[in-house]
Amino acid sequence: MVFETTIVRDLMSTYTAIVIKEEDLFVAKCPELGTASQGKTIEAAVFNLKEASEIYLEEFPNKSTSKPILTTFEVKVLAKDENIGKKNALRYFAINLIFQLLDKKEVTLFS
């Protein structure tokens, strides 16, 4: 008689949790696995993410050993100001006029 046995060991792996506050909940995401969860506190969101990730890894073992690179970047944010909107409209009009003149097209100032 031949017996087959499967040995299951508990291995611990470290993953990244990115937590974002959204309205009245915290949303936790794991970039390595693509899992996400939520909770009323940061701790609850991360705990729920851990549980979701464990369930995910039971079905889809992670073979990747790469870790995400966390960095920041800046973007230009335009202020909501009526004067800025008017300035942008004027700039658009002036640029459009210049392009029309360069293309030697007929320029219509008022329609």
C-alpha atoms as a PDB file:
ATOM      1  CA  MET A   1       0.000   0.000   0.000  1.00  0.00           C
ATOM      2  CA  VAL A   2       1.297   3.463  -0.951  1.00  0.00           C
ATOM      3  CA  PHE A   3       0.261   6.521   1.021  1.00  0.00           C
ATOM      4  CA  GLU A   4       0.585   9.986  -0.390  1.00  0.00           C
ATOM      5  CA  THR A   5       0.897  12.827   2.036  1.00  0.00           C
ATOM      6  CA  THR A   6       0.944  16.515   1.418  1.00  0.00           C
ATOM      7  CA  ILE A   7       2.783  18.679   3.861  1.00  0.00           C
ATOM      8  CA  VAL A   8       1.510  22.228   4.130  1.00  0.00           C
ATOM      9  CA  ARG A   9       3.765  24.712   5.868  1.00  0.00           C
ATOM     10  CA  ASP A  10       2.813  28.179   6.938  1.00  0.00           C
ATOM     11  CA  LEU A  11       5.178  30.563   5.205  1.00  0.00           C
ATOM     12  CA  MET A  12       5.056  34.263   5.942  1.00  0.00           C
ATOM     13  CA  SER A  13       5.539  36.817   3.184  1.00  0.00           C
ATOM     14  CA  THR A  14       5.539  40.589   3.484  1.00  0.00           C
ATOM     15  CA  TYR A  15       3.385  42.667   1.160  1.00  0.00           C
ATOM     16  CA  THR A  16       2.665  46.375   0.783  1.00  0.00           C
ATOM     17  CA  ALA A  17      -0.588  48.006   1.927  1.00  0.00           C
ATOM     18  CA  ILE A  18      -1.548  51.404   0.525  1.00  0.00           C
ATOM     19  CA  VAL A  19      -4.354  52.955   2.544  1.00  0.00           C
ATOM     20  CA  ILE A  20      -6.529  55.793   1.256  1.00  0.00           C
ATOM     21  CA  LYS A  21      -9.284  57.611   3.134  1.00  0.00           C
ATOM     22  CA  GLU A  22     -12.500  57.653   1.086  1.00  0.00           C
ATOM     23  CA  GLU A  23     -15.451  59.435   2.692  1.00  0.00           C
ATOM     24  CA  ASP A  24     -16.198  57.471   5.893  1.00  0.00           C
ATOM     25  CA  LEU A  25     -14.073  54.381   5.106  1.00  0.00           C
ATOM     26  CA  PHE A  26     -10.422  53.516   4.638  1.00  0.00           C
ATOM     27  CA  VAL A  27      -9.553  51.519   1.504  1.00  0.00           C
ATOM     28  CA  ALA A  28      -6.456  49.316   1.617  1.00  0.00           C
ATOM     29  CA  LYS A  29      -4.823  48.030  -1.578  1.00  0.00           C
ATOM     30  CA  CYS A  30      -1.976  45.582  -2.140  1.00  0.00           C
ATOM     31  CA  PRO A  31      -0.105  46.495  -5.357  1.00  0.00           C
ATOM     32  CA  GLU A  32       1.794  43.188  -5.522  1.00  0.00           C
ATOM     33  CA  LEU A  33      -1.346  41.049  -5.571  1.00  0.00           C
ATOM     34  CA  GLY A  34      -4.019  43.444  -6.793  1.00  0.00           C
ATOM     35  CA  THR A  35      -6.176  42.741  -3.745  1.00  0.00           C
ATOM     36  CA  ALA A  36      -8.176  45.407  -1.937  1.00  0.00           C
ATOM     37  CA  SER A  37     -10.451  45.745   1.051  1.00  0.00           C
ATOM     38  CA  GLN A  38     -11.905  48.381   3.341  1.00  0.00           C
ATOM     39  CA  GLY A  39     -12.657  49.157   6.975  1.00  0.00           C
ATOM     40  CA  LYS A  40     -13.846  51.894   9.302  1.00  0.00           C
ATOM     41  CA  THR A  41     -10.303  52.308  10.657  1.00  0.00           C
ATOM     42  CA  ILE A  42      -6.860  51.939   9.099  1.00  0.00           C
ATOM     43  CA  GLU A  43      -6.244  48.863  11.239  1.00  0.00           C
ATOM     44  CA  ALA A  44      -9.531  47.259  10.156  1.00  0.00           C
ATOM     45  CA  ALA A  45      -8.834  47.987   6.489  1.00  0.00           C
ATOM     46  CA  VAL A  46      -5.360  46.415   6.691  1.00  0.00           C
ATOM     47  CA  PHE A  47      -6.703  43.427   8.669  1.00  0.00           C
ATOM     48  CA  ASN A  48      -9.406  42.868   6.023  1.00  0.00           C
ATOM     49  CA  LEU A  49      -6.789  43.253   3.268  1.00  0.00           C
ATOM     50  CA  LYS A  50      -4.646  40.602   4.964  1.00  0.00           C
ATOM     51  CA  GLU A  51      -7.596  38.194   5.054  1.00  0.00           C
ATOM     52  CA  ALA A  52      -8.524  38.923   1.421  1.00  0.00           C
ATOM     53  CA  SER A  53      -4.898  38.430   0.343  1.00  0.00           C
ATOM     54  CA  GLU A  54      -4.621  35.103   2.196  1.00  0.00           C
ATOM     55  CA  ILE A  55      -7.759  33.833   0.456  1.00  0.00           C
ATOM     56  CA  TYR A  56      -6.432  35.096  -2.900  1.00  0.00           C
ATOM     57  CA  LEU A  57      -3.054  33.391  -2.360  1.00  0.00           C
ATOM     58  CA  GLU A  58      -4.743  30.049  -1.577  1.00  0.00           C
ATOM     59  CA  GLU A  59      -6.117  30.048  -5.126  1.00  0.00           C
ATOM     60  CA  PHE A  60      -3.371  31.999  -6.929  1.00  0.00           C
ATOM     61  CA  PRO A  61       0.058  31.497  -5.338  1.00  0.00           C
ATOM     62  CA  ASN A  62       2.356  34.459  -5.854  1.00  0.00           C
ATOM     63  CA  LYS A  63       5.504  33.466  -7.723  1.00  0.00           C
ATOM     64  CA  SER A  64       6.850  36.981  -8.093  1.00  0.00           C
ATOM     65  CA  THR A  65       9.543  38.207  -5.729  1.00  0.00           C
ATOM     66  CA  SER A  66       9.592  41.781  -6.977  1.00  0.00           C
ATOM     67  CA  LYS A  67       8.588  44.590  -4.654  1.00  0.00           C
ATOM     68  CA  PRO A  68       6.879  47.807  -5.732  1.00  0.00           C
ATOM     69  CA  ILE A  69       8.837  51.025  -5.840  1.00  0.00           C
ATOM     70  CA  LEU A  70       7.003  53.744  -3.971  1.00  0.00           C
ATOM     71  CA  THR A  71       7.628  57.277  -5.160  1.00  0.00           C
ATOM     72  CA  THR A  72       5.821  60.589  -5.442  1.00  0.00           C
ATOM     73  CA  PHE A  73       5.263  63.019  -8.297  1.00  0.00           C
ATOM     74  CA  GLU A  74       3.857  66.486  -8.718  1.00  0.00           C
ATOM     75  CA  VAL A  75       1.158  67.671 -11.096  1.00  0.00           C
ATOM     76  CA  LYS A  76       0.084  71.182 -11.942  1.00  0.00           C
ATOM     77  CA  VAL A  77      -3.338  71.967 -10.520  1.00  0.00           C
ATOM     78  CA  LEU A  78      -5.197  74.959 -11.892  1.00  0.00           C
ATOM     79  CA  ALA A  79      -7.085  76.987  -9.334  1.00  0.00           C
ATOM     80  CA  LYS A  80     -10.784  77.509  -9.926  1.00  0.00           C
ATOM     81  CA  ASP A  81     -10.896  81.238 -10.405  1.00  0.00           C
ATOM     82  CA  GLU A  82     -13.123  83.157 -12.804  1.00  0.00           C
ATOM     83  CA  ASN A  83     -10.223  85.391 -13.830  1.00  0.00           C
ATOM     84  CA  ILE A  84      -8.115  82.356 -14.756  1.00  0.00           C
ATOM     85  CA  GLY A  85     -10.975  81.033 -16.908  1.00  0.00           C
ATOM     86  CA  LYS A  86     -11.226  84.396 -18.682  1.00  0.00           C
ATOM     87  CA  LYS A  87      -7.446  84.532 -19.157  1.00  0.00           C
ATOM     88  CA  ASN A  88      -7.415  81.016 -20.603  1.00  0.00           C
ATOM     89  CA  ALA A  89     -10.266  81.907 -22.988  1.00  0.00           C
ATOM     90  CA  LEU A  90      -8.352  85.000 -24.092  1.00  0.00           C
ATOM     91  CA  ARG A  91      -5.156  82.951 -24.557  1.00  0.00           C
ATOM     92  CA  TYR A  92      -7.070  80.383 -26.611  1.00  0.00           C
ATOM     93  CA  PHE A  93      -8.549  83.138 -28.774  1.00  0.00           C
ATOM     94  CA  ALA A  94      -5.110  84.767 -29.292  1.00  0.00           C
ATOM     95  CA  ILE A  95      -3.378  81.467 -30.093  1.00  0.00           C
ATOM     96  CA  ASN A  96      -6.165  80.478 -32.473  1.00  0.00           C
ATOM     97  CA  LEU A  97      -5.903  83.865 -34.192  1.00  0.00           C
ATOM     98  CA  ILE A  98      -2.123  83.491 -34.580  1.00  0.00           C
ATOM     99  CA  PHE A  99      -2.474  80.006 -36.086  1.00  0.00           C
ATOM    100  CA  GLN A 100      -5.099  81.225 -38.515  1.00  0.00           C
ATOM    101  CA  LEU A 101      -2.843  84.100 -39.580  1.00  0.00           C
ATOM    102  CA  LEU A 102       0.143  81.773 -39.978  1.00  0.00           C
ATOM    103  CA  ASP A 103      -1.943  79.427 -42.092  1.00  0.00           C
ATOM    104  CA  LYS A 104      -3.027  82.485 -44.128  1.00  0.00           C
ATOM    105  CA  LYS A 105      -6.620  81.561 -43.598  1.00  0.00           C
ATOM    106  CA  GLU A 106      -9.342  84.104 -43.452  1.00  0.00           C
ATOM    107  CA  VAL A 107      -9.719  85.288 -39.877  1.00  0.00           C
ATOM    108  CA  THR A 108     -13.192  85.868 -38.552  1.00  0.00           C
ATOM    109  CA  LEU A 109     -13.119  87.960 -35.412  1.00  0.00           C
ATOM    110  CA  PHE A 110     -16.840  87.997 -34.784  1.00  0.00           C
ATOM    111  CA  SER A 111     -19.508  85.746 -36.137  1.00  0.00           C
END
